[in-house]
Every structure is written in structure tokens, then in C-alpha cells.
PDB file of all heavy atoms in Angstrom:
ATOM      1  N   TYR A   1     -14.729   3.059 -20.966  1.00  0.00           N
ATOM      2  CA  TYR A   1     -15.578   4.313 -21.073  1.00  0.00           C
ATOM      3  C   TYR A   1     -15.523   5.012 -19.748  1.00  0.00           C
ATOM      4  O   TYR A   1     -15.799   4.499 -18.667  1.00  0.00           O
ATOM      5  CB  TYR A   1     -17.031   3.798 -21.399  1.00  0.00           C
ATOM      6  CG  TYR A   1     -17.153   3.268 -22.770  1.00  0.00           C
ATOM      7  CD1 TYR A   1     -17.054   1.840 -22.863  1.00  0.00           C
ATOM      8  CD2 TYR A   1     -17.280   3.960 -23.822  1.00  0.00           C
ATOM      9  CE1 TYR A   1     -17.144   1.279 -24.221  1.00  0.00           C
ATOM     10  CE2 TYR A   1     -17.316   3.381 -25.108  1.00  0.00           C
ATOM     11  CZ  TYR A   1     -17.210   2.042 -25.205  1.00  0.00           C
ATOM     12  OH  TYR A   1     -17.248   1.479 -26.518  1.00  0.00           O
ATOM     13  N   LEU A   2     -15.091   6.349 -19.931  1.00  0.00           N
ATOM     14  CA  LEU A   2     -14.912   7.143 -18.741  1.00  0.00           C
ATOM     15  C   LEU A   2     -15.816   8.288 -18.791  1.00  0.00           C
ATOM     16  O   LEU A   2     -16.115   8.890 -19.770  1.00  0.00           O
ATOM     17  CB  LEU A   2     -13.409   7.694 -18.677  1.00  0.00           C
ATOM     18  CG  LEU A   2     -12.321   6.623 -18.622  1.00  0.00           C
ATOM     19  CD1 LEU A   2     -10.930   7.235 -18.768  1.00  0.00           C
ATOM     20  CD2 LEU A   2     -12.416   5.798 -17.360  1.00  0.00           C
ATOM     21  N   GLN A   3     -16.224   8.590 -17.595  1.00  0.00           N
ATOM     22  CA  GLN A   3     -17.185   9.888 -17.469  1.00  0.00           C
ATOM     23  C   GLN A   3     -16.276  11.175 -17.609  1.00  0.00           C
ATOM     24  O   GLN A   3     -15.357  11.285 -16.884  1.00  0.00           O
ATOM     25  CB  GLN A   3     -17.946   9.810 -16.202  1.00  0.00           C
ATOM     26  CG  GLN A   3     -18.808  11.055 -15.892  1.00  0.00           C
ATOM     27  CD  GLN A   3     -20.037  11.088 -16.771  1.00  0.00           C
ATOM     28  OE1 GLN A   3     -20.646  10.052 -16.937  1.00  0.00           O
ATOM     29  NE2 GLN A   3     -20.351  12.243 -17.227  1.00  0.00           N
ATOM     30  N   GLY A   4     -16.675  11.934 -18.621  1.00  0.00           N
ATOM     31  CA  GLY A   4     -15.945  13.190 -18.857  1.00  0.00           C
ATOM     32  C   GLY A   4     -16.929  14.332 -18.553  1.00  0.00           C
ATOM     33  O   GLY A   4     -18.016  14.166 -18.050  1.00  0.00           O
ATOM     34  N   LYS A   5     -16.471  15.536 -18.794  1.00  0.00           N
ATOM     35  CA  LYS A   5     -17.325  16.821 -18.698  1.00  0.00           C
ATOM     36  C   LYS A   5     -18.564  16.735 -19.511  1.00  0.00           C
ATOM     37  O   LYS A   5     -19.597  17.240 -19.082  1.00  0.00           O
ATOM     38  CB  LYS A   5     -16.527  17.965 -19.099  1.00  0.00           C
ATOM     39  CG  LYS A   5     -15.589  18.532 -17.985  1.00  0.00           C
ATOM     40  CD  LYS A   5     -14.913  19.830 -18.511  1.00  0.00           C
ATOM     41  CE  LYS A   5     -14.087  20.383 -17.441  1.00  0.00           C
ATOM     42  NZ  LYS A   5     -13.493  21.627 -17.817  1.00  0.00           N
ATOM     43  N   PHE A   6     -18.449  16.143 -20.701  1.00  0.00           N
ATOM     44  CA  PHE A   6     -19.604  16.155 -21.669  1.00  0.00           C
ATOM     45  C   PHE A   6     -20.166  14.788 -21.863  1.00  0.00           C
ATOM     46  O   PHE A   6     -20.619  14.452 -23.002  1.00  0.00           O
ATOM     47  CB  PHE A   6     -19.108  16.837 -22.977  1.00  0.00           C
ATOM     48  CG  PHE A   6     -18.495  18.129 -22.843  1.00  0.00           C
ATOM     49  CD1 PHE A   6     -17.158  18.320 -22.905  1.00  0.00           C
ATOM     50  CD2 PHE A   6     -19.284  19.239 -22.472  1.00  0.00           C
ATOM     51  CE1 PHE A   6     -16.623  19.547 -22.724  1.00  0.00           C
ATOM     52  CE2 PHE A   6     -18.741  20.483 -22.315  1.00  0.00           C
ATOM     53  CZ  PHE A   6     -17.358  20.618 -22.408  1.00  0.00           C
ATOM     54  N   GLY A   7     -20.166  13.882 -20.901  1.00  0.00           N
ATOM     55  CA  GLY A   7     -20.671  12.560 -21.014  1.00  0.00           C
ATOM     56  C   GLY A   7     -19.504  11.545 -21.041  1.00  0.00           C
ATOM     57  O   GLY A   7     -18.439  11.828 -20.542  1.00  0.00           O
ATOM     58  N   TYR A   8     -19.824  10.392 -21.431  1.00  0.00           N
ATOM     59  CA  TYR A   8     -18.850   9.247 -21.505  1.00  0.00           C
ATOM     60  C   TYR A   8     -18.052   9.324 -22.775  1.00  0.00           C
ATOM     61  O   TYR A   8     -18.405   9.694 -23.715  1.00  0.00           O
ATOM     62  CB  TYR A   8     -19.533   7.860 -21.431  1.00  0.00           C
ATOM     63  CG  TYR A   8     -20.134   7.558 -20.118  1.00  0.00           C
ATOM     64  CD1 TYR A   8     -21.481   7.779 -19.806  1.00  0.00           C
ATOM     65  CD2 TYR A   8     -19.332   6.989 -19.015  1.00  0.00           C
ATOM     66  CE1 TYR A   8     -21.930   7.598 -18.542  1.00  0.00           C
ATOM     67  CE2 TYR A   8     -19.748   6.728 -17.901  1.00  0.00           C
ATOM     68  CZ  TYR A   8     -21.217   6.979 -17.643  1.00  0.00           C
ATOM     69  OH  TYR A   8     -21.655   6.739 -16.342  1.00  0.00           O
ATOM     70  N   GLU A   9     -16.708   9.044 -22.534  1.00  0.00           N
ATOM     71  CA  GLU A   9     -15.817   8.987 -23.805  1.00  0.00           C
ATOM     72  C   GLU A   9     -15.034   7.670 -23.680  1.00  0.00           C
ATOM     73  O   GLU A   9     -14.793   7.190 -22.617  1.00  0.00           O
ATOM     74  CB  GLU A   9     -14.910  10.164 -23.823  1.00  0.00           C
ATOM     75  CG  GLU A   9     -13.964  10.277 -22.625  1.00  0.00           C
ATOM     76  CD  GLU A   9     -13.167  11.619 -22.676  1.00  0.00           C
ATOM     77  OE1 GLU A   9     -13.716  12.653 -22.369  1.00  0.00           O
ATOM     78  OE2 GLU A   9     -12.006  11.522 -23.097  1.00  0.00           O
ATOM     79  N   ALA A  10     -14.880   7.075 -24.904  1.00  0.00           N
ATOM     80  CA  ALA A  10     -14.043   5.883 -24.990  1.00  0.00           C
ATOM     81  C   ALA A  10     -12.589   6.196 -25.006  1.00  0.00           C
ATOM     82  O   ALA A  10     -12.131   7.018 -25.758  1.00  0.00           O
ATOM     83  CB  ALA A  10     -14.540   5.138 -26.166  1.00  0.00           C
ATOM     84  N   VAL A  11     -11.832   5.406 -24.170  1.00  0.00           N
ATOM     85  CA  VAL A  11     -10.367   5.510 -24.197  1.00  0.00           C
ATOM     86  C   VAL A  11      -9.848   4.188 -24.590  1.00  0.00           C
ATOM     87  O   VAL A  11     -10.302   3.133 -24.016  1.00  0.00           O
ATOM     88  CB  VAL A  11      -9.897   5.895 -22.831  1.00  0.00           C
ATOM     89  CG1 VAL A  11      -8.345   5.920 -22.705  1.00  0.00           C
ATOM     90  CG2 VAL A  11     -10.446   7.266 -22.296  1.00  0.00           C
ATOM     91  N   CYS A  12      -9.071   4.128 -25.675  1.00  0.00           N
ATOM     92  CA  CYS A  12      -8.478   2.853 -26.153  1.00  0.00           C
ATOM     93  C   CYS A  12      -7.277   2.447 -25.347  1.00  0.00           C
ATOM     94  O   CYS A  12      -6.265   3.267 -25.089  1.00  0.00           O
ATOM     95  CB  CYS A  12      -8.056   3.107 -27.576  1.00  0.00           C
ATOM     96  SG  CYS A  12      -7.205   1.735 -28.298  1.00  0.00           S
ATOM     97  N   HIS A  13      -7.350   1.226 -24.937  1.00  0.00           N
ATOM     98  CA  HIS A  13      -6.107   0.566 -24.248  1.00  0.00           C
ATOM     99  C   HIS A  13      -5.574  -0.515 -25.255  1.00  0.00           C
ATOM    100  O   HIS A  13      -6.333  -1.356 -25.651  1.00  0.00           O
ATOM    101  CB  HIS A  13      -6.435  -0.152 -22.936  1.00  0.00           C
ATOM    102  CG  HIS A  13      -6.928   0.759 -21.905  1.00  0.00           C
ATOM    103  ND1 HIS A  13      -5.989   1.444 -21.154  1.00  0.00           N
ATOM    104  CD2 HIS A  13      -8.078   1.157 -21.491  1.00  0.00           C
ATOM    105  CE1 HIS A  13      -6.659   2.207 -20.259  1.00  0.00           C
ATOM    106  NE2 HIS A  13      -7.816   2.122 -20.390  1.00  0.00           N
ATOM    107  N   ASN A  14      -4.361  -0.186 -25.835  1.00  0.00           N
ATOM    108  CA  ASN A  14      -3.749  -1.171 -26.732  1.00  0.00           C
ATOM    109  C   ASN A  14      -3.433  -2.487 -26.000  1.00  0.00           C
ATOM    110  O   ASN A  14      -2.785  -2.398 -24.931  1.00  0.00           O
ATOM    111  CB  ASN A  14      -2.516  -0.566 -27.397  1.00  0.00           C
ATOM    112  CG  ASN A  14      -2.913   0.652 -28.277  1.00  0.00           C
ATOM    113  OD1 ASN A  14      -3.783   0.501 -28.961  1.00  0.00           O
ATOM    114  ND2 ASN A  14      -2.061   1.588 -28.248  1.00  0.00           N
ATOM    115  N   VAL A  15      -3.935  -3.580 -26.559  1.00  0.00           N
ATOM    116  CA  VAL A  15      -3.580  -4.852 -26.047  1.00  0.00           C
ATOM    117  C   VAL A  15      -2.999  -5.793 -27.037  1.00  0.00           C
ATOM    118  O   VAL A  15      -3.349  -5.740 -28.244  1.00  0.00           O
ATOM    119  CB  VAL A  15      -4.977  -5.542 -25.572  1.00  0.00           C
ATOM    120  CG1 VAL A  15      -4.733  -6.967 -24.987  1.00  0.00           C
ATOM    121  CG2 VAL A  15      -5.727  -4.722 -24.553  1.00  0.00           C
ATOM    122  N   ASP A  16      -1.857  -6.386 -26.584  1.00  0.00           N
ATOM    123  CA  ASP A  16      -1.207  -7.418 -27.389  1.00  0.00           C
ATOM    124  C   ASP A  16      -1.518  -8.758 -26.826  1.00  0.00           C
ATOM    125  O   ASP A  16      -1.330  -9.118 -25.603  1.00  0.00           O
ATOM    126  CB  ASP A  16       0.296  -7.260 -27.383  1.00  0.00           C
ATOM    127  CG  ASP A  16       0.779  -5.963 -28.006  1.00  0.00           C
ATOM    128  OD1 ASP A  16       0.236  -5.599 -29.086  1.00  0.00           O
ATOM    129  OD2 ASP A  16       1.588  -5.233 -27.489  1.00  0.00           O
ATOM    130  N   LEU A  17      -2.157  -9.676 -27.658  1.00  0.00           N
ATOM    131  CA  LEU A  17      -2.574 -10.985 -27.239  1.00  0.00           C
ATOM    132  C   LEU A  17      -1.563 -12.040 -27.779  1.00  0.00           C
ATOM    133  O   LEU A  17      -1.394 -12.096 -28.945  1.00  0.00           O
ATOM    134  CB  LEU A  17      -3.957 -11.373 -27.703  1.00  0.00           C
ATOM    135  CG  LEU A  17      -4.413 -12.760 -27.427  1.00  0.00           C
ATOM    136  CD1 LEU A  17      -4.451 -13.064 -26.042  1.00  0.00           C
ATOM    137  CD2 LEU A  17      -5.881 -12.898 -28.056  1.00  0.00           C
ATOM    138  N   TRP A  18      -0.912 -12.808 -26.931  1.00  0.00           N
ATOM    139  CA  TRP A  18       0.056 -13.835 -27.311  1.00  0.00           C
ATOM    140  C   TRP A  18      -0.594 -15.119 -26.958  1.00  0.00           C
ATOM    141  O   TRP A  18      -1.088 -15.277 -25.833  1.00  0.00           O
ATOM    142  CB  TRP A  18       1.393 -13.624 -26.577  1.00  0.00           C
ATOM    143  CG  TRP A  18       2.188 -12.526 -26.986  1.00  0.00           C
ATOM    144  CD1 TRP A  18       1.879 -11.504 -27.861  1.00  0.00           C
ATOM    145  CD2 TRP A  18       3.549 -12.312 -26.619  1.00  0.00           C
ATOM    146  NE1 TRP A  18       2.894 -10.606 -27.985  1.00  0.00           N
ATOM    147  CE2 TRP A  18       4.010 -11.051 -27.208  1.00  0.00           C
ATOM    148  CE3 TRP A  18       4.363 -12.929 -25.778  1.00  0.00           C
ATOM    149  CZ2 TRP A  18       5.229 -10.542 -27.037  1.00  0.00           C
ATOM    150  CZ3 TRP A  18       5.654 -12.339 -25.562  1.00  0.00           C
ATOM    151  CH2 TRP A  18       6.162 -11.228 -26.166  1.00  0.00           C
ATOM    152  N   THR A  19      -0.586 -16.087 -27.908  1.00  0.00           N
ATOM    153  CA  THR A  19      -1.075 -17.442 -27.687  1.00  0.00           C
ATOM    154  C   THR A  19       0.127 -18.395 -27.751  1.00  0.00           C
ATOM    155  O   THR A  19       0.840 -18.389 -28.699  1.00  0.00           O
ATOM    156  CB  THR A  19      -2.166 -17.764 -28.746  1.00  0.00           C
ATOM    157  OG1 THR A  19      -3.179 -16.744 -28.648  1.00  0.00           O
ATOM    158  CG2 THR A  19      -2.817 -19.167 -28.417  1.00  0.00           C
ATOM    159  N   PHE A  20       0.134 -19.336 -26.736  1.00  0.00           N
ATOM    160  CA  PHE A  20       1.083 -20.242 -26.596  1.00  0.00           C
ATOM    161  C   PHE A  20       0.532 -21.687 -26.816  1.00  0.00           C
ATOM    162  O   PHE A  20      -0.463 -22.005 -26.107  1.00  0.00           O
ATOM    163  CB  PHE A  20       1.884 -20.241 -25.252  1.00  0.00           C
ATOM    164  CG  PHE A  20       2.721 -18.957 -25.116  1.00  0.00           C
ATOM    165  CD1 PHE A  20       2.123 -17.774 -24.527  1.00  0.00           C
ATOM    166  CD2 PHE A  20       4.055 -18.901 -25.470  1.00  0.00           C
ATOM    167  CE1 PHE A  20       2.879 -16.638 -24.436  1.00  0.00           C
ATOM    168  CE2 PHE A  20       4.731 -17.725 -25.362  1.00  0.00           C
ATOM    169  CZ  PHE A  20       4.152 -16.654 -24.849  1.00  0.00           C
ATOM    170  N   ASN A  21       1.138 -22.525 -27.705  1.00  0.00           N
ATOM    171  CA  ASN A  21       0.714 -23.843 -27.882  1.00  0.00           C
ATOM    172  C   ASN A  21       1.716 -24.784 -27.186  1.00  0.00           C
ATOM    173  O   ASN A  21       2.841 -24.890 -27.617  1.00  0.00           O
ATOM    174  CB  ASN A  21       0.610 -24.169 -29.395  1.00  0.00           C
ATOM    175  CG  ASN A  21       0.171 -25.506 -29.653  1.00  0.00           C
ATOM    176  OD1 ASN A  21       0.224 -26.489 -28.820  1.00  0.00           O
ATOM    177  ND2 ASN A  21      -0.224 -25.725 -30.976  1.00  0.00           N
ATOM    178  N   ARG A  22       1.366 -25.416 -26.079  1.00  0.00           N
ATOM    179  CA  ARG A  22       2.184 -26.205 -25.363  1.00  0.00           C
ATOM    180  C   ARG A  22       2.152 -27.700 -25.662  1.00  0.00           C
ATOM    181  O   ARG A  22       2.694 -28.565 -25.006  1.00  0.00           O
ATOM    182  CB  ARG A  22       1.963 -26.074 -23.841  1.00  0.00           C
ATOM    183  CG  ARG A  22       2.153 -24.565 -23.495  1.00  0.00           C
ATOM    184  CD  ARG A  22       1.816 -24.257 -22.062  1.00  0.00           C
ATOM    185  NE  ARG A  22       0.414 -24.634 -21.758  1.00  0.00           N
ATOM    186  CZ  ARG A  22      -0.015 -24.976 -20.532  1.00  0.00           C
ATOM    187  NH1 ARG A  22       0.788 -25.003 -19.531  1.00  0.00           N
ATOM    188  NH2 ARG A  22      -1.334 -25.334 -20.406  1.00  0.00           N
ATOM    189  N   GLY A  23       1.423 -28.121 -26.775  1.00  0.00           N
ATOM    190  CA  GLY A  23       1.455 -29.364 -27.354  1.00  0.00           C
ATOM    191  C   GLY A  23       0.117 -30.122 -27.245  1.00  0.00           C
ATOM    192  O   GLY A  23      -0.903 -29.629 -26.588  1.00  0.00           O
ATOM    193  N   VAL A  24      -0.012 -31.248 -27.878  1.00  0.00           N
ATOM    194  CA  VAL A  24      -1.176 -32.074 -28.043  1.00  0.00           C
ATOM    195  C   VAL A  24      -1.685 -32.541 -26.679  1.00  0.00           C
ATOM    196  O   VAL A  24      -0.917 -32.855 -25.809  1.00  0.00           O
ATOM    197  CB  VAL A  24      -0.971 -33.279 -28.952  1.00  0.00           C
ATOM    198  CG1 VAL A  24      -2.066 -34.116 -28.927  1.00  0.00           C
ATOM    199  CG2 VAL A  24      -0.603 -32.871 -30.350  1.00  0.00           C
ATOM    200  N   GLY A  25      -2.968 -32.304 -26.424  1.00  0.00           N
ATOM    201  CA  GLY A  25      -3.566 -32.628 -25.228  1.00  0.00           C
ATOM    202  C   GLY A  25      -3.531 -31.565 -24.058  1.00  0.00           C
ATOM    203  O   GLY A  25      -4.111 -31.790 -23.008  1.00  0.00           O
ATOM    204  N   THR A  26      -2.978 -30.451 -24.399  1.00  0.00           N
ATOM    205  CA  THR A  26      -2.977 -29.340 -23.451  1.00  0.00           C
ATOM    206  C   THR A  26      -3.898 -28.236 -24.021  1.00  0.00           C
ATOM    207  O   THR A  26      -4.452 -28.253 -25.065  1.00  0.00           O
ATOM    208  CB  THR A  26      -1.560 -28.731 -23.303  1.00  0.00           C
ATOM    209  OG1 THR A  26      -1.153 -28.174 -24.549  1.00  0.00           O
ATOM    210  CG2 THR A  26      -0.639 -29.807 -22.815  1.00  0.00           C
ATOM    211  N   PHE A  27      -4.099 -27.205 -23.176  1.00  0.00           N
ATOM    212  CA  PHE A  27      -5.028 -26.068 -23.573  1.00  0.00           C
ATOM    213  C   PHE A  27      -3.923 -25.004 -24.036  1.00  0.00           C
ATOM    214  O   PHE A  27      -2.889 -24.853 -23.552  1.00  0.00           O
ATOM    215  CB  PHE A  27      -5.762 -25.525 -22.461  1.00  0.00           C
ATOM    216  CG  PHE A  27      -6.891 -26.529 -22.047  1.00  0.00           C
ATOM    217  CD1 PHE A  27      -6.800 -27.427 -21.024  1.00  0.00           C
ATOM    218  CD2 PHE A  27      -8.088 -26.402 -22.725  1.00  0.00           C
ATOM    219  CE1 PHE A  27      -7.819 -28.288 -20.756  1.00  0.00           C
ATOM    220  CE2 PHE A  27      -9.176 -27.262 -22.487  1.00  0.00           C
ATOM    221  CZ  PHE A  27      -8.974 -28.181 -21.415  1.00  0.00           C
ATOM    222  N   LEU A  28      -4.413 -24.189 -25.096  1.00  0.00           N
ATOM    223  CA  LEU A  28      -3.722 -23.018 -25.440  1.00  0.00           C
ATOM    224  C   LEU A  28      -3.698 -22.146 -24.196  1.00  0.00           C
ATOM    225  O   LEU A  28      -4.647 -21.957 -23.506  1.00  0.00           O
ATOM    226  CB  LEU A  28      -4.400 -22.350 -26.682  1.00  0.00           C
ATOM    227  CG  LEU A  28      -4.400 -23.141 -27.881  1.00  0.00           C
ATOM    228  CD1 LEU A  28      -5.281 -22.405 -28.964  1.00  0.00           C
ATOM    229  CD2 LEU A  28      -2.986 -23.410 -28.550  1.00  0.00           C
ATOM    230  N   MET A  29      -2.523 -21.367 -24.101  1.00  0.00           N
ATOM    231  CA  MET A  29      -2.475 -20.415 -23.028  1.00  0.00           C
ATOM    232  C   MET A  29      -2.276 -19.015 -23.720  1.00  0.00           C
ATOM    233  O   MET A  29      -1.674 -18.785 -24.711  1.00  0.00           O
ATOM    234  CB  MET A  29      -1.209 -20.614 -22.202  1.00  0.00           C
ATOM    235  CG  MET A  29      -1.264 -21.890 -21.274  1.00  0.00           C
ATOM    236  SD  MET A  29      -2.762 -22.050 -20.224  1.00  0.00           S
ATOM    237  CE  MET A  29      -2.628 -20.612 -19.235  1.00  0.00           C
ATOM    238  N   LYS A  30      -3.308 -18.097 -23.227  1.00  0.00           N
ATOM    239  CA  LYS A  30      -3.301 -16.779 -23.770  1.00  0.00           C
ATOM    240  C   LYS A  30      -2.846 -15.760 -22.744  1.00  0.00           C
ATOM    241  O   LYS A  30      -3.349 -15.754 -21.658  1.00  0.00           O
ATOM    242  CB  LYS A  30      -4.819 -16.496 -24.305  1.00  0.00           C
ATOM    243  CG  LYS A  30      -5.188 -17.539 -25.348  1.00  0.00           C
ATOM    244  CD  LYS A  30      -6.575 -17.159 -25.872  1.00  0.00           C
ATOM    245  CE  LYS A  30      -6.983 -18.025 -26.942  1.00  0.00           C
ATOM    246  NZ  LYS A  30      -8.116 -17.558 -27.649  1.00  0.00           N
ATOM    247  N   VAL A  31      -1.935 -14.899 -23.249  1.00  0.00           N
ATOM    248  CA  VAL A  31      -1.535 -13.846 -22.327  1.00  0.00           C
ATOM    249  C   VAL A  31      -1.830 -12.498 -22.984  1.00  0.00           C
ATOM    250  O   VAL A  31      -1.356 -12.255 -24.174  1.00  0.00           O
ATOM    251  CB  VAL A  31       0.056 -13.980 -22.053  1.00  0.00           C
ATOM    252  CG1 VAL A  31       0.562 -12.879 -21.085  1.00  0.00           C
ATOM    253  CG2 VAL A  31       0.412 -15.311 -21.543  1.00  0.00           C
ATOM    254  N   GLU A  32      -2.565 -11.610 -22.219  1.00  0.00           N
ATOM    255  CA  GLU A  32      -2.800 -10.269 -22.808  1.00  0.00           C
ATOM    256  C   GLU A  32      -1.865  -9.282 -22.073  1.00  0.00           C
ATOM    257  O   GLU A  32      -1.772  -9.241 -20.906  1.00  0.00           O
ATOM    258  CB  GLU A  32      -4.244  -9.885 -22.450  1.00  0.00           C
ATOM    259  CG  GLU A  32      -5.286 -10.633 -23.235  1.00  0.00           C
ATOM    260  CD  GLU A  32      -6.627 -10.264 -23.028  1.00  0.00           C
ATOM    261  OE1 GLU A  32      -6.919  -9.097 -22.489  1.00  0.00           O
ATOM    262  OE2 GLU A  32      -7.631 -10.954 -23.223  1.00  0.00           O
ATOM    263  N   PHE A  33      -1.226  -8.456 -22.930  1.00  0.00           N
ATOM    264  CA  PHE A  33      -0.250  -7.495 -22.502  1.00  0.00           C
ATOM    265  C   PHE A  33      -0.882  -6.153 -22.611  1.00  0.00           C
ATOM    266  O   PHE A  33      -1.313  -5.819 -23.703  1.00  0.00           O
ATOM    267  CB  PHE A  33       1.062  -7.543 -23.207  1.00  0.00           C
ATOM    268  CG  PHE A  33       1.873  -8.833 -22.978  1.00  0.00           C
ATOM    269  CD1 PHE A  33       1.713  -9.948 -23.908  1.00  0.00           C
ATOM    270  CD2 PHE A  33       2.773  -8.886 -21.902  1.00  0.00           C
ATOM    271  CE1 PHE A  33       2.406 -11.034 -23.576  1.00  0.00           C
ATOM    272  CE2 PHE A  33       3.440 -10.091 -21.736  1.00  0.00           C
ATOM    273  CZ  PHE A  33       3.364 -11.125 -22.562  1.00  0.00           C
ATOM    274  N   GLU A  34      -0.739  -5.306 -21.636  1.00  0.00           N
ATOM    275  CA  GLU A  34      -1.060  -3.896 -21.683  1.00  0.00           C
ATOM    276  C   GLU A  34       0.183  -3.090 -21.143  1.00  0.00           C
ATOM    277  O   GLU A  34       0.695  -3.475 -20.041  1.00  0.00           O
ATOM    278  CB  GLU A  34      -2.306  -3.595 -20.864  1.00  0.00           C
ATOM    279  CG  GLU A  34      -3.544  -4.175 -21.359  1.00  0.00           C
ATOM    280  CD  GLU A  34      -4.853  -3.791 -20.566  1.00  0.00           C
ATOM    281  OE1 GLU A  34      -4.716  -2.936 -19.779  1.00  0.00           O
ATOM    282  OE2 GLU A  34      -5.799  -4.555 -20.729  1.00  0.00           O
ATOM    283  N   GLU A  35       0.653  -2.151 -21.888  1.00  0.00           N
ATOM    284  CA  GLU A  35       1.791  -1.418 -21.620  1.00  0.00           C
ATOM    285  C   GLU A  35       2.959  -2.274 -21.390  1.00  0.00           C
ATOM    286  O   GLU A  35       3.849  -1.942 -20.454  1.00  0.00           O
ATOM    287  CB  GLU A  35       1.572  -0.517 -20.487  1.00  0.00           C
ATOM    288  CG  GLU A  35       0.426   0.548 -20.789  1.00  0.00           C
ATOM    289  CD  GLU A  35       0.142   1.451 -19.532  1.00  0.00           C
ATOM    290  OE1 GLU A  35       0.868   1.495 -18.544  1.00  0.00           O
ATOM    291  OE2 GLU A  35      -0.897   2.195 -19.669  1.00  0.00           O
ATOM    292  N   GLY A  36       3.124  -3.338 -22.133  1.00  0.00           N
ATOM    293  CA  GLY A  36       4.271  -4.204 -22.031  1.00  0.00           C
ATOM    294  C   GLY A  36       4.328  -5.215 -20.913  1.00  0.00           C
ATOM    295  O   GLY A  36       5.256  -5.944 -20.853  1.00  0.00           O
TER     296      GLY A  36
END
């Protein structure tokens, strides 16, 4: 949310969420990409 001339406006940032499964007993790893 950015302050504009006429108040706040929402700007969308496209996010790609990739989840990696590294095997039993580990935690999932999540990587969020913005602009690649």
C-alpha cells in the first residue's frame, strides 16, 4: 500500500512460491520469487 495523491493505493507484486521437499525428517523449504 503506497501513499498517492488521493490516498493509499494497493500495488500488486506478483510472487511465485516454490516449495522443496528434501526428504523425511527435514523441513520443507519455501522460496518466494519476485521479478524472477
